[in-house]
Amino acid sequence: MDSPILQDLVPVDRVWRRMGDVERRLLEATTSDDVFLTSIAQHGLAAGGKRYRPLLAQVAAELGGKEGPEPVEAGVAVELVHLGSLYHDDVIDEAETRRGEVSVNENWSNTVAILAGDFLLARASEVAAPLGTEAVALIARTYATLCEGQVRELQLANDLDHGADEYYAVIGGKTASLIRTSARLGAMTGGADADTIEAISEWAWEMGLVFQLADDVLDLVADEAWLGKPAGSDIGEGTFTLPLLYAADGPAGPEIRGLLEGGAPYEQQTIDRVIHLVTAGGYVDRVLDEAAERMRASEKAAARIPETDLTPIIRNLDRYLLERVDIARSQR
């Protein structure tokens, strides 16, 4: 698990013991009677990742303090949804890499990636089933929301005329919804009360938006070595994120629109010029300021959670996301 920073920020041994169990159960859940399918399903696991979503589930489970394996299963279910959705996203985006490794669709085929993604999503439901009907319904509803976000994003491809509301609808569906479900399902399986479940869910929703805002900024300002893919990959695919949407309505808008009028894919030289116009115009800072506002909203939700040993951990996770924003600033 590629999360040394997170391990420093969440100094609770039992959380990390459960995260070890999550890793073991992920391997079990992605094992098929078909050896080939097993290798495909576990390809994304082997590439690493921060496991931020299952970690949120384990942290949220501390709000209830209930003993048992249920929070581990909650973490496995949300990570399987995340991984399955990534397999499908890579097919849609025609991505060649994922987490610095060759993507499943590139290494095998689109058909294999789609089927393996379906297998992972089916296993997510299977893992969630013993947690009860509410958990299964939450997983199903969340994946429906992910699909809605993806469809909305496809409808907005190569479109510079949609605004912040549409952008937030996309990232809410594609990113924040699963992060919220991770915290909610963890709190539910940990035995938290209803008010606490709602508070941690609202906190996680805002955190999910910040998470994606930071990622979208990093796509513009970080280098290829840091990203594991060329800078401006979103632009190259015709996915226009918030800094670019703001810039397109600013003084550099006519030049940006002229550069992008032909539609994706775009040459790297064109992408680099657009990135320069966006960053020079101050639009990265504008979006990072919005991320900071979202952080303040999350802190208000967190304040409704009863003061426990978990409170400092939530602040630590806030700090982790703020550090992602700081990284975004320092990469410029």
Protein backbone atom coordinates (compact mmCIF):
# COMPACT_ATOMS: atom_id res chain seq x y z
CA MET A 1 0.00 0.00 0.00
CA ASP A 2 1.56 3.30 -1.17
CA SER A 3 0.59 5.47 1.79
CA PRO A 4 3.62 6.30 4.01
CA ILE A 5 2.32 9.86 4.54
CA LEU A 6 -1.05 8.53 5.61
CA GLN A 7 0.57 6.11 8.03
CA ASP A 8 2.19 9.08 9.77
CA LEU A 9 -1.09 10.96 9.82
CA VAL A 10 -3.20 8.12 11.24
CA PRO A 11 -1.21 6.83 14.24
CA VAL A 12 -3.76 4.24 15.37
CA ASP A 13 -2.41 0.71 15.28
CA ARG A 14 -5.79 -1.02 15.07
CA VAL A 15 -6.66 1.00 11.95
CA TRP A 16 -3.52 -0.20 10.22
CA ARG A 17 -4.06 -3.76 11.41
CA ARG A 18 -7.44 -3.66 9.70
CA MET A 19 -5.82 -2.14 6.61
CA GLY A 20 -3.55 -5.18 6.50
CA ASP A 21 -6.67 -7.32 6.59
CA VAL A 22 -8.13 -5.21 3.76
CA GLU A 23 -5.09 -6.02 1.60
CA ARG A 24 -5.44 -9.72 2.31
CA ARG A 25 -9.17 -9.70 1.60
CA LEU A 26 -8.69 -7.74 -1.62
CA LEU A 27 -6.50 -10.54 -2.93
CA GLU A 28 -9.08 -13.13 -1.86
CA ALA A 29 -11.97 -11.21 -3.39
CA THR A 30 -10.18 -10.76 -6.72
CA THR A 31 -9.27 -14.43 -7.05
CA SER A 32 -11.24 -16.31 -9.68
CA ASP A 33 -11.34 -19.97 -10.64
CA ASP A 34 -9.92 -18.69 -13.93
CA VAL A 35 -6.21 -17.97 -13.47
CA PHE A 36 -6.15 -15.50 -16.36
CA LEU A 37 -9.03 -13.45 -14.92
CA THR A 38 -7.33 -13.45 -11.53
CA SER A 39 -4.17 -11.97 -13.04
CA ILE A 40 -6.18 -9.25 -14.78
CA ALA A 41 -8.29 -8.42 -11.72
CA GLN A 42 -5.20 -8.18 -9.52
CA HIS A 43 -3.19 -6.13 -12.03
CA GLY A 44 -4.56 -2.89 -10.61
CA LEU A 45 -3.95 -4.00 -7.03
CA ALA A 46 -0.32 -4.77 -7.79
CA ALA A 47 0.16 -1.26 -9.19
CA GLY A 48 -0.34 0.08 -5.67
CA GLY A 49 -2.30 3.15 -4.71
CA LYS A 50 -2.95 5.00 -1.49
CA ARG A 51 -6.04 2.97 -0.53
CA TYR A 52 -7.52 6.25 0.66
CA ARG A 53 -11.10 4.99 0.42
CA PRO A 54 -10.72 1.84 2.52
CA LEU A 55 -8.62 3.83 4.96
CA LEU A 56 -11.49 6.30 5.36
CA ALA A 57 -13.78 3.38 6.09
CA GLN A 58 -11.45 2.15 8.85
CA VAL A 59 -11.10 5.59 10.38
CA ALA A 60 -14.86 6.20 10.29
CA ALA A 61 -15.43 2.82 11.93
CA GLU A 62 -13.64 4.16 14.99
CA LEU A 63 -16.58 6.51 15.56
CA GLY A 64 -18.69 3.59 16.72
CA GLY A 65 -16.08 1.40 18.31
CA LYS A 66 -17.87 -1.83 17.41
CA GLU A 67 -15.60 -4.87 17.23
CA GLY A 68 -15.78 -7.27 14.29
CA PRO A 69 -14.70 -7.77 10.66
CA GLU A 70 -17.43 -5.60 9.12
CA PRO A 71 -15.34 -2.42 8.65
CA VAL A 72 -12.71 -4.46 6.79
CA GLU A 73 -15.37 -5.79 4.44
CA ALA A 74 -16.65 -2.25 3.96
CA GLY A 75 -13.16 -1.14 2.97
CA VAL A 76 -12.78 -4.01 0.53
CA ALA A 77 -16.14 -3.27 -1.09
CA VAL A 78 -15.40 0.41 -1.73
CA GLU A 79 -11.92 -0.30 -3.07
CA LEU A 80 -13.31 -2.91 -5.48
CA VAL A 81 -15.82 -0.35 -6.77
CA HIS A 82 -13.00 2.16 -7.17
CA LEU A 83 -10.75 -0.30 -9.00
CA GLY A 84 -13.52 -1.59 -11.27
CA SER A 85 -14.46 1.96 -12.22
CA LEU A 86 -10.81 2.73 -13.06
CA TYR A 87 -10.69 -0.24 -15.45
CA HIS A 88 -13.75 1.12 -17.22
CA ASP A 89 -12.45 4.72 -17.18
CA ASP A 90 -9.20 3.63 -18.83
CA VAL A 91 -11.15 2.05 -21.68
CA ILE A 92 -13.21 5.21 -22.15
CA ASP A 93 -10.13 7.45 -22.01
CA GLU A 94 -7.99 5.05 -24.08
CA ALA A 95 -5.41 5.39 -21.30
CA GLU A 96 -2.07 3.68 -21.74
CA THR A 97 -0.92 3.83 -18.12
CA ARG A 98 -2.42 3.73 -14.64
CA ARG A 99 -0.40 4.51 -11.49
CA GLY A 100 2.76 4.46 -13.55
CA GLU A 101 2.08 0.97 -14.90
CA VAL A 102 0.63 -0.15 -18.22
CA SER A 103 -3.17 -0.11 -18.07
CA VAL A 104 -5.22 -3.29 -18.44
CA ASN A 105 -6.77 -2.15 -21.72
CA GLU A 106 -3.36 -1.33 -23.17
CA ASN A 107 -1.68 -4.51 -21.93
CA TRP A 108 -4.53 -6.81 -23.00
CA SER A 109 -7.59 -5.32 -24.70
CA ASN A 110 -10.65 -3.16 -24.10
CA THR A 111 -12.83 -6.25 -23.93
CA VAL A 112 -10.67 -7.83 -21.24
CA ALA A 113 -10.59 -4.57 -19.24
CA ILE A 114 -14.38 -4.20 -19.38
CA LEU A 115 -15.00 -7.78 -18.30
CA ALA A 116 -12.44 -7.55 -15.50
CA GLY A 117 -14.02 -4.28 -14.33
CA ASP A 118 -17.42 -5.97 -14.30
CA PHE A 119 -15.96 -8.84 -12.28
CA LEU A 120 -14.53 -6.42 -9.70
CA LEU A 121 -17.85 -4.59 -9.36
CA ALA A 122 -19.72 -7.87 -8.96
CA ARG A 123 -17.29 -8.93 -6.25
CA ALA A 124 -17.86 -5.58 -4.49
CA SER A 125 -21.56 -6.41 -4.20
CA GLU A 126 -20.76 -9.93 -3.04
CA VAL A 127 -18.47 -8.61 -0.31
CA ALA A 128 -21.06 -6.04 0.79
CA ALA A 129 -23.95 -8.52 0.91
CA PRO A 130 -23.26 -9.88 4.43
CA LEU A 131 -23.21 -6.28 5.71
CA GLY A 132 -26.94 -5.98 5.08
CA THR A 133 -29.38 -4.60 2.56
CA GLU A 134 -28.59 -0.97 3.41
CA ALA A 135 -24.91 -1.53 2.62
CA VAL A 136 -25.67 -3.29 -0.66
CA ALA A 137 -28.09 -0.54 -1.66
CA LEU A 138 -25.48 2.10 -0.81
CA ILE A 139 -22.83 0.39 -2.95
CA ALA A 140 -25.26 0.02 -5.87
CA ARG A 141 -26.49 3.61 -5.59
CA THR A 142 -22.92 4.90 -5.45
CA TYR A 143 -21.90 3.06 -8.59
CA ALA A 144 -24.98 4.41 -10.37
CA THR A 145 -23.85 7.89 -9.32
CA LEU A 146 -20.35 7.19 -10.65
CA CYS A 147 -21.85 6.21 -13.99
CA GLU A 148 -23.98 9.34 -14.07
CA GLY A 149 -20.89 11.46 -13.43
CA GLN A 150 -19.02 9.68 -16.20
CA VAL A 151 -21.87 10.14 -18.69
CA ARG A 152 -22.14 13.81 -17.80
CA GLU A 153 -18.40 14.20 -18.35
CA LEU A 154 -18.65 12.55 -21.76
CA GLN A 155 -21.46 14.91 -22.72
CA LEU A 156 -19.26 17.87 -21.77
CA ALA A 157 -16.14 16.66 -23.62
CA ASN A 158 -14.46 19.39 -25.69
CA ASP A 159 -16.98 21.91 -24.33
CA LEU A 160 -15.56 25.15 -22.95
CA ASP A 161 -18.96 26.71 -22.37
CA HIS A 162 -20.13 24.74 -19.36
CA GLY A 163 -19.46 26.29 -16.00
CA ALA A 164 -18.58 25.49 -12.42
CA ASP A 165 -21.97 23.96 -11.60
CA GLU A 166 -21.62 21.32 -14.30
CA TYR A 167 -18.00 20.69 -13.33
CA TYR A 168 -18.94 20.12 -9.69
CA ALA A 169 -21.74 17.78 -10.76
CA VAL A 170 -19.17 15.69 -12.64
CA ILE A 171 -16.60 15.46 -9.85
CA GLY A 172 -19.33 14.95 -7.27
CA GLY A 173 -20.52 11.92 -9.18
CA LYS A 174 -17.15 10.52 -10.23
CA THR A 175 -15.09 11.16 -7.08
CA ALA A 176 -16.83 12.63 -4.05
CA SER A 177 -19.70 10.14 -4.04
CA LEU A 178 -17.44 7.13 -3.47
CA ILE A 179 -15.35 8.92 -0.86
CA ARG A 180 -18.55 9.81 0.98
CA THR A 181 -19.74 6.21 0.75
CA SER A 182 -16.40 4.97 2.09
CA ALA A 183 -16.76 7.04 5.24
CA ARG A 184 -20.48 6.36 5.58
CA LEU A 185 -20.16 2.61 5.21
CA GLY A 186 -17.25 2.54 7.64
CA ALA A 187 -19.23 4.47 10.25
CA MET A 188 -22.28 2.25 9.72
CA THR A 189 -20.34 -0.98 10.11
CA GLY A 190 -18.49 0.43 13.12
CA GLY A 191 -21.75 1.05 14.96
CA ALA A 192 -21.81 4.88 14.93
CA ASP A 193 -25.08 6.66 15.73
CA ALA A 194 -27.21 8.27 13.02
CA ASP A 195 -26.11 11.88 13.66
CA THR A 196 -22.44 10.91 13.54
CA ILE A 197 -22.96 8.95 10.32
CA GLU A 198 -24.50 12.02 8.70
CA ALA A 199 -21.73 14.32 9.92
CA ILE A 200 -18.90 12.10 8.69
CA SER A 201 -20.71 11.65 5.38
CA GLU A 202 -20.93 15.42 4.86
CA TRP A 203 -17.27 15.80 5.87
CA ALA A 204 -16.23 13.13 3.38
CA TRP A 205 -18.27 14.69 0.56
CA GLU A 206 -16.40 17.98 0.88
CA MET A 207 -13.12 16.09 1.21
CA GLY A 208 -13.92 14.24 -2.00
CA LEU A 209 -14.41 17.51 -3.86
CA VAL A 210 -11.12 18.84 -2.51
CA PHE A 211 -9.40 15.61 -3.49
CA GLN A 212 -10.52 16.01 -7.12
CA LEU A 213 -9.85 19.76 -7.26
CA ALA A 214 -6.28 19.10 -6.17
CA ASP A 215 -5.88 16.29 -8.71
CA ASP A 216 -7.18 18.51 -11.51
CA VAL A 217 -4.70 21.22 -10.58
CA LEU A 218 -1.87 18.71 -10.43
CA ASP A 219 -2.71 17.59 -13.96
CA LEU A 220 -1.86 21.13 -15.06
CA VAL A 221 1.14 21.97 -12.91
CA ALA A 222 2.98 18.75 -12.01
CA ASP A 223 5.54 17.10 -14.26
CA GLU A 224 5.28 13.71 -15.94
CA ALA A 225 7.60 12.03 -13.44
CA TRP A 226 5.31 13.03 -10.58
CA LEU A 227 2.05 12.28 -12.39
CA GLY A 228 3.03 9.06 -14.12
CA LYS A 229 1.51 10.51 -17.32
CA PRO A 230 2.11 13.64 -19.43
CA ALA A 231 1.06 16.95 -17.92
CA GLY A 232 -2.25 18.18 -19.28
CA SER A 233 -3.59 14.71 -20.02
CA ASP A 234 -7.11 15.90 -19.23
CA ILE A 235 -6.85 18.60 -21.88
CA GLY A 236 -5.39 16.09 -24.31
CA GLU A 237 -8.50 13.95 -23.88
CA GLY A 238 -10.89 16.89 -24.21
CA THR A 239 -11.75 16.92 -20.51
CA PHE A 240 -11.79 20.55 -19.43
CA THR A 241 -11.48 21.04 -15.66
CA LEU A 242 -12.28 24.09 -13.57
CA PRO A 243 -9.07 26.14 -14.00
CA LEU A 244 -9.37 25.89 -17.78
CA LEU A 245 -13.09 26.69 -17.74
CA TYR A 246 -12.38 29.86 -15.77
CA ALA A 247 -9.52 30.81 -18.11
CA ALA A 248 -11.70 30.31 -21.17
CA ASP A 249 -13.96 33.10 -19.91
CA GLY A 250 -11.05 35.43 -19.13
CA PRO A 251 -8.75 37.68 -21.19
CA ALA A 252 -6.91 34.69 -22.68
CA GLY A 253 -10.19 33.05 -23.64
CA PRO A 254 -10.08 33.83 -27.37
CA GLU A 255 -6.59 32.32 -27.73
CA ILE A 256 -7.51 29.27 -25.67
CA ARG A 257 -10.66 28.69 -27.69
CA GLY A 258 -8.70 29.04 -30.91
CA LEU A 259 -6.13 26.50 -29.77
CA LEU A 260 -8.78 23.97 -28.77
CA GLU A 261 -11.38 24.50 -31.47
CA GLY A 262 -10.31 21.44 -33.47
CA GLY A 263 -11.27 18.98 -30.74
CA ALA A 264 -9.24 16.26 -28.99
CA PRO A 265 -6.73 14.78 -29.30
CA TYR A 266 -4.37 17.77 -29.08
CA GLU A 267 -0.65 18.03 -29.69
CA GLN A 268 1.53 18.42 -26.59
CA GLN A 269 2.73 21.80 -27.84
CA THR A 270 -0.87 23.02 -27.88
CA ILE A 271 -1.50 21.58 -24.43
CA ASP A 272 1.61 23.25 -23.02
CA ARG A 273 0.53 26.63 -24.38
CA VAL A 274 -2.94 26.27 -22.88
CA ILE A 275 -1.44 25.28 -19.52
CA HIS A 276 0.76 28.38 -19.61
CA LEU A 277 -2.24 30.62 -20.27
CA VAL A 278 -4.24 29.02 -17.46
CA THR A 279 -1.47 29.24 -14.86
CA ALA A 280 -0.25 32.71 -15.88
CA GLY A 281 -3.79 34.02 -15.57
CA GLY A 282 -4.02 33.02 -11.91
CA TYR A 283 -6.75 30.43 -12.43
CA VAL A 284 -4.88 27.66 -10.62
CA ASP A 285 -4.75 29.86 -7.52
CA ARG A 286 -8.44 30.66 -7.91
CA VAL A 287 -9.34 26.96 -7.90
CA LEU A 288 -7.03 26.22 -4.98
CA ASP A 289 -8.78 28.99 -3.07
CA GLU A 290 -12.07 27.22 -3.78
CA ALA A 291 -10.53 24.01 -2.46
CA ALA A 292 -9.65 25.84 0.76
CA GLU A 293 -13.27 26.99 1.05
CA ARG A 294 -14.40 23.39 0.70
CA MET A 295 -11.97 22.45 3.45
CA ARG A 296 -13.62 24.95 5.76
CA ALA A 297 -17.02 23.45 4.94
CA SER A 298 -15.70 20.00 5.81
CA GLU A 299 -14.39 21.28 9.13
CA LYS A 300 -17.88 22.55 10.04
CA ALA A 301 -19.27 19.07 9.42
CA ALA A 302 -16.45 17.49 11.41
CA ALA A 303 -17.24 19.79 14.34
CA ARG A 304 -20.56 17.95 14.75
CA ILE A 305 -18.76 14.68 15.43
CA PRO A 306 -18.44 13.97 19.17
CA GLU A 307 -14.94 14.64 20.48
CA THR A 308 -13.08 11.33 20.61
CA ASP A 309 -9.63 9.94 19.92
CA LEU A 310 -10.67 10.05 16.27
CA THR A 311 -10.95 13.85 16.07
CA PRO A 312 -7.19 14.44 15.62
CA ILE A 313 -7.15 11.73 12.94
CA ILE A 314 -9.82 13.55 10.95
CA ARG A 315 -7.73 16.71 11.19
CA ASN A 316 -4.73 14.71 10.01
CA LEU A 317 -6.64 13.50 6.96
CA ASP A 318 -7.66 17.11 6.30
CA ARG A 319 -3.99 18.01 6.47
CA TYR A 320 -3.11 15.26 4.02
CA LEU A 321 -5.44 16.77 1.44
CA LEU A 322 -4.09 20.25 2.14
CA GLU A 323 -0.62 18.87 1.52
CA ARG A 324 -1.82 17.66 -1.89
CA VAL A 325 -2.85 21.25 -2.57
CA ASP A 326 0.54 22.50 -1.36
CA ILE A 327 2.22 19.99 -3.67
CA ALA A 328 0.14 21.37 -6.50
CA ARG A 329 1.40 24.87 -5.74
CA SER A 330 5.04 23.79 -5.39
CA GLN A 331 5.05 21.89 -8.70
CA ARG A 332 4.56 25.07 -10.72
